[in-house]
Each structure stands twice: as structure tokens, then as C-alpha cells.
Amino acid sequence: MKKILYNLLSGALLFGAVTSCQNFETVNSDPNNPTAMPSHMLMAGAEKRIMDDVYDVWFSGRQCLVYSQFWCQRNYTEEDRYQIRESTNNSYFNYLYQGIANLEQVIKLNSDEETAAVMSIYGANQNQIAAAKTLKAWLYLIITDTWGNVPFTESSLLSEGLYRPKYDGQEEIYKALLADLKEASASIDESEPAFTSGDNIFNGDASKWKKFANSLRCRIAVHLSKTDSNWKSYIAEALADGVFESNADNAAYAYSTAASNECGFYTGYFVDNRNDFTLTRPFVDILKGQRDTLNNKAHPWEGVIDPRLSIYTTDRNGQYIGMPLGIASGDATSEMRNTAPNWMANPPLCIRNNFAVPLMTYAELQFILSEYNGFSAAEYKEGIRASIDYWSGMDGTPVSAAALDAYIENVSRTVNAETIALQKYIDLYTNGTEAWTEYRRTGYPVQLLKPNDISCIKDGVALPFTPLSETKGDIVARVKYPTNESTLNGPSFTEAVSKLQDGSNNYYSKMFWDTRSEADPHPANK
């Protein structure tokens, strides 16, 4: 009964043929007929389930892509204004932990001496373990950067009778993730495959999993740049162990045109048959090189049009005009909707069924390294070039060398914390959680709307961005803990809430790495 009630950690497995945990612990001695789920199939299912949950029109579309102000809704704007559906919050907290549980099952199958020998036919045991640990760290980072302190050290002990795991401090989770990734990288044998099949991120290439583990260490380290003076040493160690070297190393999940394997963004449009989303006006204006005259916000390279504009979205009657963000549903007019991009009628790259969702890119790493090297121009320019090459290559319309060189020159006249953060933000399109994290860490881009900033002018009246939840005058700082946790994991939930600002389950308590203040909106690195 407790397993049913506390489904957070049930780790519901992905294949109906698997009926119990005991099945995973019993392996036939015949390697050609194992009774346990083959680990490569489990990894394939785990990857797809995680990507479907993270890159969809709910967790991303109505939450993370909204918080980072890439997307907004065309009709129903409540989530854009931070009125989060409790059913959605409860579900995705569970879903992401179920993804963790499935990855841990891959690790267990390759660690347990009763199953490891059979699983080795699907890839070297240590490589499978390392790949699963790396993806688990990537997913845990999303979980903790969304909710803050969360179950971590005790989150896998359901089978041992622990039904109410404690919430670990986010700072401790970060330390553990860095250690786990370092260990995973060190354990990989690059002469052996990670998986013989079933891996839709790196096609079983152990060397690329190693680079991903180390590049992810750099992402975690730069998150700590305002709070931990050792952040550069963490990056130096990761660099020594080997990181992404080009776009060929990018971590991306490859969807396909097959009906059961289509990207979640596509499904939200063309399977669910809903035309709900489009780009926000702030993001379109950033890409157009257009200053925000409504709020007197400058643009660091005003007048320079980004070549990714026509890749990230499609035009409407030859124009690119984003949808106003954060206004009441009743104030969203047909004229606004008929001016903003109509993705159902004219789909951009990310709404295609076979869009490859990026988990982390070489371009992002270059922006991290630019910051690591004192906001250096070389890595900044390399990051821009890699980003445009990557996105335009996926779109099938590569930007000419001359146009690319001209754009890089125009946006590189000043290289500093703001310009690097803004280019990184542009590159992180579709990766809502990381873009949201970077805003909370750096305070950039300043072009994003804060509560009470003017969103648009309607009939001569200025309409402000009006949140429906208290965020203390800023973009939402975290997502509230799900209501189910208060009943299913009451003592741990109560203790976790007591550590939040005001001792309440709110949207404005900052992550430990977020040191911004009204007096210092863009803190310097340690």
C-alpha cells in the first residue's frame, strides 16, 4: 500500500513485460535468453521517457520555457503569469524521479554480480554504469534547479522500506553530482562501447559519454561561480579529463519521424492538435537587435539581426513579432495572435517531429570557458560560431561564412559578462531550465520582463506583466513543492519548507547559488 501511495519513488518501469523488481534480480544462465530486461533496452526506454517528460509542452512549454521567456501561450496565459497547475507539478515531480529510478536500474543490472555478466553483452558494464550515472546527474540537476532542496541520498531506498526520504540541501547535492560525474568519467573504458544499441544520445559511444560527463561538470561548476571560490578548479579538473571538442560531441536526443518516437513539442501541436505556443516579444526583440523602448532597456548590439531568428521561429506575413508576455488571457487579442508566429501553420525547427533536443552543446561549453578565462573573446566567438553552425545545420540552411563572420564581428565589439550571458541565453533555446538558471545566476538578459514591466500597449493603454503568484518583483525563483508531498512525505516536506524564505512553500525563495539583490543585480564571480 505504501508503494502505491508514495509513487514519487516507485520508478514505474517502462515496459509492460516487466512485472516486478524480482524479475530484474533473476537472470537465466543462458545469455541469449535472459529473464531480466536487457539493460540496453532499459536505457533506451529510460532516455526516451526522460526526454519526453523534460522536452514537452507541459514541463517545458508551460513552465521552463515560460520562465526563461522563450515561449508564451497564445490563448491561456495563466502559467505565463506563474499560476502553476498543481496536478502538473505533482505529476512532473513524480515523472522525473521515475526517470531517476529507471537509470538506477540500469546501474544495478550492471553492478549486481548475478546480472552483470549477462548485461555485458549489451556494452561494457562500467561504461553502461557511467552513462547512466551521467544522465542521472543531468536529470538531478534539472530537479534541484527547479525545486531547490529535494530528496537525493535517500531517494532510492524505497525497496529497503524507506518511504519518506529526507530532502537534501541543494549545496550538498551539487557536491555529490560533481563527485559522481568525476567518478563516472574516470571509470569509462573508451576502447569498449557504452551500449551496443538503444542509446539515442550518443549511439553507444563511450568516449562521447565521457566528454559529456566532464562538460556537465563545467556547467555545474559555473553555477557555483558566485558562491564557491573553487569553481574554476572544478572546471580545470574537468578540462584535464576531456570535454566536448566540437559540435560532433553535442549531447542531443535524436527523435524520429516514426509515430511513437516523435518529439514532444511536435506532439503537443500535431498529435494533440493544439496551437498553444509562440515566441515571446522579449525574445524576438533580442534576436532582432531591437531595444525595449517600453521599458527603456538597451540592447548591446542594437540593429544587428541574429541569423538564428529564422531558425528558432517562422515569420508571419514576412514579419517577426513576438507575443506579449504576462498579460491576462482576456487582454490577449486576435490581433496579437494573428501577428505572432503561427507555428501550426508554419512550423519551425523545434516543432518538427524529428527535432533532436539538445541536452548540452559545445557552444554552451565555450561560453562557460569564456567566463572561466575572464570573459575571453576567443571562446566567446567560438561559442557563437558553434551555436550558429549547429542550429543552422539542423535546420538544413547553413549560414554563409561571410554572413557568420559579419555577425560575430558585430556582436563582439564588447565582450563582457552581459554579452556572454546574452549569447549563451540565445544558444540555450529549447533548454528552458538552464536558461532560467543562468538568468537567476547572472541577472542577464536584462531584456527579460520583470513583474510590472510593460508588456505591450493595447488601445493606448500600457499593459504590465502581472504575475498571479508572489515572486517579490522578479522572475519566478523556484517552483513550489508539489502538494502531494505534504501528505505522502509530510515530515520531510515540512522540514524542507521551514528552510525556505518566510518558512512558506513559495515561488520566491532563491537557490543557494543565486546571490542577486536589488543593490547588486549582477554579482561578480568569486
Protein backbone atom coordinates (compact mmCIF):
# COMPACT_ATOMS: atom_id res chain seq x y z
CA MET A 1 0.00 0.00 0.00
CA LYS A 2 2.81 2.40 0.85
CA LYS A 3 4.37 1.74 -2.55
CA ILE A 4 1.12 2.73 -4.19
CA LEU A 5 0.67 5.80 -2.04
CA TYR A 6 4.18 7.08 -2.37
CA ASN A 7 4.59 6.86 -6.11
CA LEU A 8 7.32 9.51 -6.14
CA LEU A 9 9.94 6.80 -5.89
CA SER A 10 8.08 3.86 -7.34
CA GLY A 11 10.18 4.07 -10.51
CA ALA A 12 7.40 2.61 -12.62
CA LEU A 13 9.27 0.72 -15.29
CA LEU A 14 8.74 1.42 -18.93
CA PHE A 15 7.86 -1.94 -20.39
CA GLY A 16 4.72 -3.92 -19.67
CA ALA A 17 6.60 -7.20 -19.95
CA VAL A 18 8.42 -6.41 -16.72
CA THR A 19 6.10 -7.17 -13.81
CA SER A 20 8.24 -6.98 -10.69
CA CYS A 21 11.58 -5.94 -9.26
CA GLN A 22 12.28 -9.59 -8.58
CA ASN A 23 12.37 -10.24 -12.32
CA PHE A 24 15.37 -7.92 -12.59
CA GLU A 25 17.21 -9.85 -9.90
CA THR A 26 16.86 -13.23 -11.56
CA VAL A 27 18.88 -13.85 -14.70
CA ASN A 28 18.81 -17.02 -16.74
CA SER A 29 22.21 -18.57 -17.19
CA ASP A 30 21.66 -18.58 -20.94
CA PRO A 31 22.89 -15.12 -22.11
CA ASN A 32 20.72 -15.41 -25.22
CA ASN A 33 17.55 -15.79 -23.15
CA PRO A 34 17.84 -13.60 -20.07
CA THR A 35 14.72 -13.23 -17.93
CA ALA A 36 15.81 -9.73 -16.84
CA MET A 37 15.08 -6.77 -19.06
CA PRO A 38 18.20 -6.26 -21.20
CA SER A 39 19.98 -3.15 -19.98
CA HIS A 40 20.31 -1.58 -23.43
CA MET A 41 16.53 -1.77 -23.86
CA LEU A 42 16.00 -0.32 -20.39
CA MET A 43 18.40 2.53 -21.18
CA ALA A 44 16.61 3.20 -24.46
CA GLY A 45 13.28 3.38 -22.68
CA ALA A 46 14.70 5.48 -19.84
CA GLU A 47 16.24 8.01 -22.24
CA LYS A 48 13.02 8.39 -24.19
CA ARG A 49 10.83 8.71 -21.10
CA ILE A 50 13.13 11.37 -19.62
CA MET A 51 13.31 13.37 -22.85
CA ASP A 52 9.54 13.10 -23.34
CA ASP A 53 8.99 14.44 -19.82
CA VAL A 54 11.56 17.26 -19.91
CA TYR A 55 11.09 18.44 -23.50
CA ASP A 56 7.33 18.61 -23.82
CA VAL A 57 4.58 21.22 -23.81
CA TRP A 58 3.99 20.90 -20.06
CA PHE A 59 7.24 20.83 -18.07
CA SER A 60 8.99 22.87 -20.76
CA GLY A 61 6.16 24.55 -22.64
CA ARG A 62 4.15 25.80 -19.68
CA GLN A 63 6.99 26.08 -17.18
CA CYS A 64 10.69 26.28 -18.01
CA LEU A 65 10.42 27.81 -21.48
CA VAL A 66 8.00 30.35 -19.99
CA TYR A 67 10.24 31.18 -17.01
CA SER A 68 13.15 31.78 -19.40
CA GLN A 69 10.76 33.82 -21.60
CA PHE A 70 11.49 31.92 -24.79
CA TRP A 71 7.85 30.83 -25.17
CA CYS A 72 4.49 32.08 -24.06
CA GLN A 73 0.94 30.93 -24.62
CA ARG A 74 -1.26 32.40 -27.33
CA ASN A 75 -4.57 31.94 -25.54
CA TYR A 76 -4.47 30.95 -21.89
CA THR A 77 -1.77 32.96 -20.14
CA GLU A 78 -2.17 31.83 -16.53
CA GLU A 79 1.00 29.71 -16.45
CA ASP A 80 2.91 32.56 -18.11
CA ARG A 81 1.91 34.56 -15.03
CA TYR A 82 3.08 31.83 -12.61
CA GLN A 83 -0.26 30.22 -11.82
CA ILE A 84 1.06 26.68 -11.91
CA ARG A 85 -1.36 23.76 -12.09
CA GLU A 86 -0.90 21.59 -9.03
CA SER A 87 -1.76 18.46 -11.00
CA THR A 88 1.06 19.22 -13.43
CA ASN A 89 3.53 19.99 -10.65
CA ASN A 90 2.67 16.78 -8.79
CA SER A 91 2.92 14.70 -11.96
CA TYR A 92 6.27 16.00 -13.17
CA PHE A 93 7.91 15.76 -9.77
CA ASN A 94 6.96 12.07 -9.91
CA TYR A 95 7.86 11.61 -13.56
CA LEU A 96 11.38 12.96 -13.19
CA TYR A 97 12.04 10.77 -10.18
CA GLN A 98 10.74 7.78 -12.11
CA GLY A 99 13.39 8.64 -14.70
CA ILE A 100 16.00 8.56 -11.93
CA ALA A 101 14.70 5.16 -10.79
CA ASN A 102 14.99 3.67 -14.29
CA LEU A 103 18.58 4.87 -14.65
CA GLU A 104 19.40 3.38 -11.28
CA GLN A 105 18.00 0.08 -12.53
CA VAL A 106 20.49 0.18 -15.40
CA ILE A 107 23.25 0.77 -12.85
CA LYS A 108 22.01 -2.08 -10.67
CA LEU A 109 21.82 -4.55 -13.53
CA ASN A 110 25.44 -3.82 -14.42
CA SER A 111 26.67 -3.81 -10.82
CA ASP A 112 24.96 -6.87 -9.39
CA GLU A 113 27.16 -9.94 -9.86
CA GLU A 114 24.06 -12.02 -10.61
CA THR A 115 23.20 -9.95 -13.68
CA ALA A 116 26.37 -8.09 -14.71
CA ALA A 117 27.83 -10.90 -16.85
CA VAL A 118 24.71 -11.15 -18.98
CA MET A 119 24.35 -7.39 -19.27
CA SER A 120 27.93 -7.07 -20.50
CA ILE A 121 26.85 -8.40 -23.89
CA TYR A 122 24.99 -5.10 -24.36
CA GLY A 123 28.06 -2.96 -23.60
CA ALA A 124 30.91 -2.88 -21.10
CA ASN A 125 29.44 -2.92 -17.59
CA GLN A 126 31.45 0.03 -16.31
CA ASN A 127 30.55 2.09 -19.38
CA GLN A 128 26.84 1.40 -19.02
CA ILE A 129 27.06 2.41 -15.36
CA ALA A 130 28.96 5.59 -16.21
CA ALA A 131 26.48 6.58 -18.93
CA ALA A 132 23.51 6.01 -16.63
CA LYS A 133 25.22 7.98 -13.84
CA THR A 134 25.94 10.85 -16.20
CA LEU A 135 22.36 11.11 -17.44
CA LYS A 136 21.14 10.75 -13.86
CA ALA A 137 23.32 13.70 -12.81
CA TRP A 138 21.96 15.76 -15.73
CA LEU A 139 18.40 14.97 -14.62
CA TYR A 140 19.07 15.59 -10.92
CA LEU A 141 20.46 19.00 -11.84
CA ILE A 142 17.16 19.84 -13.52
CA ILE A 143 15.21 18.59 -10.50
CA THR A 144 17.18 20.55 -7.90
CA ASP A 145 17.38 23.71 -10.02
CA THR A 146 13.59 23.58 -10.35
CA TRP A 147 12.52 22.88 -6.75
CA GLY A 148 15.67 23.51 -4.65
CA ASN A 149 16.32 21.12 -1.76
CA VAL A 150 14.94 17.73 -2.83
CA PRO A 151 15.24 14.02 -1.95
CA PHE A 152 18.64 12.77 -3.07
CA THR A 153 20.61 10.47 -0.76
CA GLU A 154 17.50 8.56 0.34
CA SER A 155 15.53 8.75 -2.88
CA SER A 156 16.48 5.21 -3.94
CA LEU A 157 15.65 3.37 -0.74
CA LEU A 158 12.00 2.51 -1.38
CA SER A 159 12.85 -1.17 -1.85
CA GLU A 160 14.50 -1.09 1.57
CA GLY A 161 11.36 0.19 3.23
CA LEU A 162 12.17 3.90 3.38
CA TYR A 163 9.03 5.60 2.12
CA ARG A 164 9.62 9.16 3.30
CA PRO A 165 13.07 10.26 2.12
CA LYS A 166 14.66 13.34 3.58
CA TYR A 167 15.26 16.45 1.48
CA ASP A 168 18.96 17.09 0.96
CA GLY A 169 20.39 20.60 0.81
CA GLN A 170 20.98 21.80 -2.73
CA GLU A 171 24.59 22.68 -1.95
CA GLU A 172 25.26 19.10 -0.85
CA ILE A 173 23.51 17.75 -3.95
CA TYR A 174 25.80 19.87 -6.13
CA LYS A 175 28.90 18.50 -4.41
CA ALA A 176 27.64 14.95 -4.85
CA LEU A 177 26.86 15.47 -8.55
CA LEU A 178 30.37 16.79 -9.21
CA ALA A 179 31.84 13.77 -7.45
CA ASP A 180 29.55 11.32 -9.25
CA LEU A 181 30.43 12.74 -12.65
CA LYS A 182 34.14 12.69 -11.91
CA GLU A 183 33.87 9.07 -10.87
CA ALA A 184 31.79 8.19 -13.94
CA SER A 185 34.30 9.80 -16.28
CA ALA A 186 37.25 8.06 -14.67
CA SER A 187 35.59 4.64 -14.93
CA ILE A 188 34.91 4.72 -18.67
CA ASP A 189 36.89 2.41 -20.95
CA GLU A 190 36.94 4.26 -24.26
CA SER A 191 38.02 1.12 -26.14
CA GLU A 192 34.66 -0.52 -25.39
CA PRO A 193 31.13 0.62 -26.27
CA ALA A 194 28.80 2.01 -23.66
CA PHE A 195 25.86 0.28 -25.34
CA THR A 196 25.71 -1.96 -28.40
CA SER A 197 22.33 -0.43 -29.29
CA GLY A 198 19.46 1.52 -27.78
CA ASP A 199 21.37 4.71 -26.92
CA ASN A 200 19.77 7.57 -28.85
CA ILE A 201 22.02 10.23 -27.37
CA PHE A 202 25.50 9.02 -28.36
CA ASN A 203 24.81 5.73 -30.16
CA GLY A 204 26.79 3.90 -27.50
CA ASP A 205 29.99 5.91 -27.97
CA ALA A 206 31.78 5.69 -24.61
CA SER A 207 34.20 8.49 -25.48
CA LYS A 208 31.32 10.90 -26.01
CA TRP A 209 29.68 9.89 -22.74
CA LYS A 210 32.99 10.67 -21.06
CA LYS A 211 33.14 14.11 -22.67
CA PHE A 212 29.54 14.76 -21.68
CA ALA A 213 30.24 13.84 -18.05
CA ASN A 214 33.16 16.27 -17.93
CA SER A 215 31.37 19.05 -19.81
CA LEU A 216 28.44 18.70 -17.41
CA ARG A 217 30.90 19.19 -14.55
CA CYS A 218 31.73 22.55 -16.13
CA ARG A 219 28.05 23.50 -16.24
CA ILE A 220 27.62 22.64 -12.57
CA ALA A 221 30.84 24.47 -11.66
CA VAL A 222 29.82 27.71 -13.36
CA HIS A 223 26.52 27.62 -11.47
CA LEU A 224 28.69 27.95 -8.35
CA SER A 225 30.64 30.94 -9.61
CA LYS A 226 29.01 33.42 -7.22
CA THR A 227 29.24 31.25 -4.10
CA ASP A 228 32.24 28.91 -4.34
CA SER A 229 35.73 30.30 -4.90
CA ASN A 230 36.82 26.83 -6.09
CA TRP A 231 34.56 26.85 -9.13
CA LYS A 232 37.45 27.40 -11.53
CA SER A 233 39.38 24.48 -10.09
CA TYR A 234 36.37 22.22 -10.74
CA ILE A 235 36.43 23.32 -14.38
CA ALA A 236 40.20 22.88 -14.65
CA GLU A 237 39.88 19.29 -13.42
CA ALA A 238 37.09 18.59 -15.91
CA LEU A 239 39.11 20.05 -18.77
CA ALA A 240 42.03 17.82 -17.88
CA ASP A 241 39.74 14.79 -18.12
CA GLY A 242 38.42 15.74 -21.58
CA VAL A 243 35.37 17.76 -22.66
CA PHE A 244 33.43 18.47 -25.85
CA GLU A 245 35.77 19.38 -28.69
CA SER A 246 33.28 20.30 -31.43
CA ASN A 247 29.61 20.13 -32.37
CA ALA A 248 30.17 16.48 -33.20
CA ASP A 249 30.27 15.84 -29.44
CA ASN A 250 26.98 17.59 -28.61
CA ALA A 251 24.64 15.71 -26.29
CA ALA A 252 21.31 15.57 -28.12
CA TYR A 253 18.47 13.07 -28.13
CA ALA A 254 17.52 12.06 -31.66
CA TYR A 255 13.78 11.80 -32.22
CA SER A 256 12.45 10.35 -35.46
CA THR A 257 9.53 10.65 -37.84
CA ALA A 258 8.01 7.40 -36.54
CA ALA A 259 4.68 7.95 -34.81
CA SER A 260 5.81 6.54 -31.46
CA ASN A 261 9.13 8.40 -31.44
CA GLU A 262 8.22 11.98 -32.29
CA CYS A 263 9.46 14.99 -30.36
CA GLY A 264 7.18 16.13 -27.55
CA PHE A 265 6.97 19.67 -28.93
CA TYR A 266 5.63 18.25 -32.21
CA THR A 267 3.19 16.01 -30.35
CA GLY A 268 1.82 18.97 -28.42
CA TYR A 269 0.92 20.61 -31.71
CA PHE A 270 0.10 17.99 -34.29
CA VAL A 271 -0.98 14.99 -32.24
CA ASP A 272 -2.81 16.88 -29.50
CA ASN A 273 -3.94 19.33 -32.21
CA ARG A 274 -3.36 22.46 -30.09
CA ASN A 275 -1.89 25.72 -31.32
CA ASP A 276 -0.91 26.99 -27.87
CA PHE A 277 2.60 28.47 -28.06
CA THR A 278 4.73 31.00 -29.84
CA LEU A 279 7.85 33.09 -29.16
CA THR A 280 7.66 35.96 -26.69
CA ARG A 281 8.12 39.57 -27.72
CA PRO A 282 11.22 40.00 -25.47
CA PHE A 283 12.98 37.04 -27.11
CA VAL A 284 12.07 38.06 -30.66
CA ASP A 285 13.28 41.59 -29.96
CA ILE A 286 16.58 40.23 -28.63
CA LEU A 287 17.04 38.27 -31.87
CA LYS A 288 16.08 41.32 -33.94
CA GLY A 289 18.62 43.51 -32.15
CA GLN A 290 15.78 45.74 -31.02
CA ARG A 291 15.83 47.75 -27.79
CA ASP A 292 12.84 47.64 -25.42
CA THR A 293 11.50 51.18 -25.71
CA LEU A 294 8.51 50.40 -23.47
CA ASN A 295 10.82 49.78 -20.50
CA ASN A 296 13.85 51.79 -21.58
CA LYS A 297 16.09 48.72 -21.85
CA ALA A 298 19.04 48.92 -24.21
CA HIS A 299 20.38 46.18 -26.48
CA PRO A 300 24.17 45.56 -26.53
CA TRP A 301 24.22 45.18 -30.33
CA GLU A 302 21.24 47.20 -31.41
CA GLY A 303 20.23 46.83 -35.05
CA VAL A 304 22.06 43.51 -35.59
CA ILE A 305 19.67 40.73 -36.63
CA ASP A 306 20.58 37.28 -35.33
CA PRO A 307 20.79 34.58 -38.06
CA ARG A 308 19.07 32.17 -35.67
CA LEU A 309 15.85 34.23 -35.79
CA SER A 310 14.57 32.45 -38.90
CA ILE A 311 15.59 29.08 -37.42
CA TYR A 312 14.02 29.45 -34.00
CA THR A 313 10.75 30.70 -35.43
CA THR A 314 8.94 31.30 -38.68
CA ASP A 315 7.69 34.66 -39.91
CA ARG A 316 4.12 35.91 -40.15
CA ASN A 317 3.47 37.76 -43.40
CA GLY A 318 7.19 38.48 -43.69
CA GLN A 319 7.47 39.90 -40.18
CA TYR A 320 8.80 38.63 -36.86
CA ILE A 321 6.74 39.96 -33.96
CA GLY A 322 6.57 38.07 -30.67
CA MET A 323 3.53 37.64 -28.45
CA PRO A 324 3.21 39.96 -25.42
CA LEU A 325 4.22 38.13 -22.23
CA GLY A 326 2.41 38.00 -18.91
CA ILE A 327 -0.83 39.78 -19.71
CA ALA A 328 -4.27 38.49 -18.72
CA SER A 329 -5.92 35.98 -21.05
CA GLY A 330 -8.72 38.43 -21.66
CA ASP A 331 -6.24 41.06 -22.83
CA ALA A 332 -4.69 38.75 -25.43
CA THR A 333 -6.38 39.84 -28.63
CA SER A 334 -6.86 38.21 -32.02
CA GLU A 335 -4.66 40.90 -33.47
CA MET A 336 -1.79 39.85 -31.17
CA ARG A 337 -2.26 36.19 -32.05
CA ASN A 338 -2.57 36.96 -35.76
CA THR A 339 0.67 38.95 -35.69
CA ALA A 340 2.78 36.50 -33.68
CA PRO A 341 4.29 33.44 -35.43
CA ASN A 342 1.72 30.72 -36.13
CA TRP A 343 3.66 27.52 -35.67
CA MET A 344 0.84 25.17 -36.53
CA ALA A 345 0.52 26.74 -39.96
CA ASN A 346 4.26 27.23 -40.45
CA PRO A 347 6.34 25.01 -38.14
CA PRO A 348 9.92 25.99 -37.20
CA LEU A 349 12.72 23.55 -36.50
CA CYS A 350 11.81 22.71 -32.89
CA ILE A 351 8.23 21.75 -33.81
CA ARG A 352 9.36 19.14 -36.33
CA ASN A 353 8.71 15.53 -35.39
CA ASN A 354 12.38 14.53 -35.66
CA PHE A 355 13.85 17.52 -33.82
CA ALA A 356 16.94 16.46 -31.84
CA VAL A 357 16.59 18.07 -28.41
CA PRO A 358 19.96 19.31 -27.09
CA LEU A 359 20.92 18.34 -23.54
CA MET A 360 24.21 20.27 -23.67
CA THR A 361 26.24 21.69 -26.54
CA TYR A 362 29.82 22.53 -27.41
CA ALA A 363 28.68 26.15 -27.82
CA GLU A 364 27.43 26.28 -24.23
CA LEU A 365 30.75 24.89 -23.07
CA GLN A 366 32.61 27.61 -24.95
CA PHE A 367 30.58 30.33 -23.22
CA ILE A 368 31.39 28.67 -19.89
CA LEU A 369 35.08 28.63 -20.80
CA SER A 370 34.95 32.27 -21.83
CA GLU A 371 33.70 33.12 -18.36
CA TYR A 372 36.27 30.77 -16.83
CA ASN A 373 39.02 32.61 -18.75
CA GLY A 374 37.96 36.04 -17.52
CA PHE A 375 35.33 36.71 -20.20
CA SER A 376 37.71 35.98 -23.04
CA ALA A 377 36.86 36.92 -26.62
CA ALA A 378 38.26 33.75 -28.23
CA GLU A 379 35.91 31.29 -26.54
CA TYR A 380 33.02 33.78 -26.82
CA LYS A 381 33.44 33.97 -30.59
CA GLU A 382 33.92 30.22 -30.87
CA GLY A 383 30.70 29.70 -28.91
CA ILE A 384 28.73 31.95 -31.26
CA ARG A 385 30.17 30.27 -34.34
CA ALA A 386 29.47 26.79 -32.96
CA SER A 387 25.93 27.72 -31.97
CA ILE A 388 25.00 29.14 -35.37
CA ASP A 389 26.68 26.26 -37.21
CA TYR A 390 24.80 23.76 -35.04
CA TRP A 391 21.35 25.32 -35.28
CA SER A 392 21.58 26.22 -38.97
CA GLY A 393 22.97 22.78 -39.75
CA MET A 394 20.00 21.12 -38.05
CA ASP A 395 17.68 23.42 -39.98
CA GLY A 396 19.33 22.45 -43.24
CA THR A 397 20.11 26.04 -44.23
CA PRO A 398 23.69 26.76 -43.12
CA VAL A 399 24.59 30.42 -42.68
CA SER A 400 27.23 31.54 -45.18
CA ALA A 401 30.75 32.06 -43.93
CA ALA A 402 30.62 35.75 -44.83
CA ALA A 403 27.33 36.34 -43.01
CA LEU A 404 28.56 34.40 -39.98
CA ASP A 405 31.83 36.35 -39.82
CA ALA A 406 29.97 39.64 -40.12
CA TYR A 407 27.55 38.75 -37.34
CA ILE A 408 30.34 37.64 -35.00
CA GLU A 409 32.24 40.86 -35.66
CA ASN A 410 29.15 42.98 -34.95
CA VAL A 411 28.36 41.29 -31.63
CA SER A 412 31.97 41.12 -30.43
CA ARG A 413 32.83 44.80 -30.18
CA THR A 414 32.34 44.42 -26.43
CA VAL A 415 32.89 41.11 -24.67
CA ASN A 416 31.87 41.10 -21.04
CA ALA A 417 29.61 39.36 -18.55
CA GLU A 418 26.47 40.73 -20.19
CA THR A 419 27.26 39.92 -23.80
CA ILE A 420 28.48 36.43 -22.95
CA ALA A 421 25.36 35.75 -20.88
CA LEU A 422 23.12 37.04 -23.67
CA GLN A 423 24.77 34.91 -26.36
CA LYS A 424 24.64 31.91 -24.06
CA TYR A 425 20.95 32.57 -23.46
CA ILE A 426 20.28 32.67 -27.20
CA ASP A 427 22.12 29.38 -27.71
CA LEU A 428 20.17 27.70 -24.89
CA TYR A 429 16.89 28.00 -26.80
CA THR A 430 14.61 25.00 -26.03
CA ASN A 431 16.72 24.29 -22.91
CA GLY A 432 14.43 26.24 -20.62
CA THR A 433 15.73 25.10 -17.24
CA GLU A 434 19.33 26.03 -17.98
CA ALA A 435 18.42 29.40 -19.49
CA TRP A 436 16.25 30.13 -16.44
CA THR A 437 19.12 29.08 -14.18
CA GLU A 438 21.53 31.39 -15.96
CA TYR A 439 19.19 34.35 -15.51
CA ARG A 440 18.89 33.58 -11.80
CA ARG A 441 22.69 33.27 -11.52
CA THR A 442 23.73 36.33 -13.54
CA GLY A 443 20.73 38.65 -13.75
CA TYR A 444 21.07 38.59 -17.56
CA PRO A 445 19.47 39.11 -20.03
CA VAL A 446 18.17 42.42 -18.68
CA GLN A 447 15.77 42.45 -21.63
CA LEU A 448 13.57 39.83 -19.94
CA LEU A 449 10.45 41.25 -18.36
CA LYS A 450 10.08 41.51 -14.61
CA PRO A 451 6.73 41.88 -12.88
CA ASN A 452 5.14 45.25 -13.59
CA ASP A 453 7.36 45.89 -16.61
CA ILE A 454 5.23 46.99 -19.55
CA SER A 455 4.42 44.08 -21.82
CA CYS A 456 2.57 45.92 -24.57
CA ILE A 457 0.34 48.85 -25.45
CA LYS A 458 -3.32 47.98 -26.10
CA ASP A 459 -5.76 50.66 -27.23
CA GLY A 460 -3.36 53.30 -25.96
CA VAL A 461 -3.09 51.70 -22.51
CA ALA A 462 0.13 50.15 -21.15
CA LEU A 463 -0.43 46.55 -20.02
CA PRO A 464 2.13 45.30 -17.47
CA PHE A 465 3.42 41.81 -16.81
CA THR A 466 1.21 40.82 -13.88
CA PRO A 467 2.08 37.60 -12.02
CA LEU A 468 -0.66 35.60 -10.33
CA SER A 469 1.73 34.35 -7.63
CA GLU A 470 4.03 36.36 -5.36
CA THR A 471 7.56 36.49 -6.77
CA LYS A 472 8.89 39.55 -4.91
CA GLY A 473 9.21 41.65 -8.05
CA ASP A 474 11.37 39.24 -10.05
CA ILE A 475 11.10 36.32 -12.42
CA VAL A 476 9.99 33.22 -10.51
CA ALA A 477 12.92 31.88 -8.43
CA ARG A 478 11.74 28.30 -7.98
CA VAL A 479 8.71 26.07 -8.33
CA LYS A 480 6.74 25.32 -5.18
CA TYR A 481 6.97 21.80 -3.78
CA PRO A 482 4.09 19.64 -5.02
CA THR A 483 1.06 19.44 -2.72
CA ASN A 484 1.21 15.64 -2.76
CA GLU A 485 4.47 15.82 -0.86
CA SER A 486 2.72 17.40 2.13
CA THR A 487 0.66 14.22 2.62
CA LEU A 488 2.86 11.47 1.20
CA ASN A 489 6.13 12.70 2.68
CA GLY A 490 4.83 15.03 5.37
CA PRO A 491 7.71 15.26 7.90
CA SER A 492 10.38 15.74 5.23
CA PHE A 493 8.19 18.20 3.34
CA THR A 494 7.55 20.25 6.48
CA GLU A 495 11.24 20.40 7.31
CA ALA A 496 12.12 21.41 3.74
CA VAL A 497 9.51 24.20 3.72
CA SER A 498 10.78 25.50 7.05
CA LYS A 499 14.13 26.24 5.37
CA LEU A 500 12.58 28.43 2.68
CA GLN A 501 12.29 32.20 2.93
CA ASP A 502 9.43 33.11 5.29
CA GLY A 503 9.05 29.41 6.12
CA SER A 504 6.44 29.07 3.39
CA ASN A 505 6.21 26.98 0.23
CA ASN A 506 6.67 29.84 -2.21
CA TYR A 507 7.93 30.88 -5.64
CA TYR A 508 10.48 33.45 -4.48
CA SER A 509 12.95 31.58 -2.25
CA LYS A 510 16.28 31.67 -4.07
CA MET A 511 18.59 28.81 -4.92
CA PHE A 512 21.74 28.79 -2.81
CA TRP A 513 23.81 29.85 -5.83
CA ASP A 514 21.56 32.85 -6.58
CA THR A 515 23.18 35.81 -4.81
CA ARG A 516 21.47 38.63 -6.74
CA SER A 517 19.97 41.53 -4.82
CA GLU A 518 18.33 44.82 -5.69
CA ALA A 519 21.57 46.59 -4.82
CA ASP A 520 23.69 44.09 -6.77
CA PRO A 521 21.64 42.59 -9.63
CA HIS A 522 24.70 41.17 -11.43
CA PRO A 523 27.09 39.79 -8.77
CA ALA A 524 30.72 39.25 -9.67
CA ASN A 525 32.23 35.79 -9.78
CA LYS A 526 34.27 34.52 -6.88
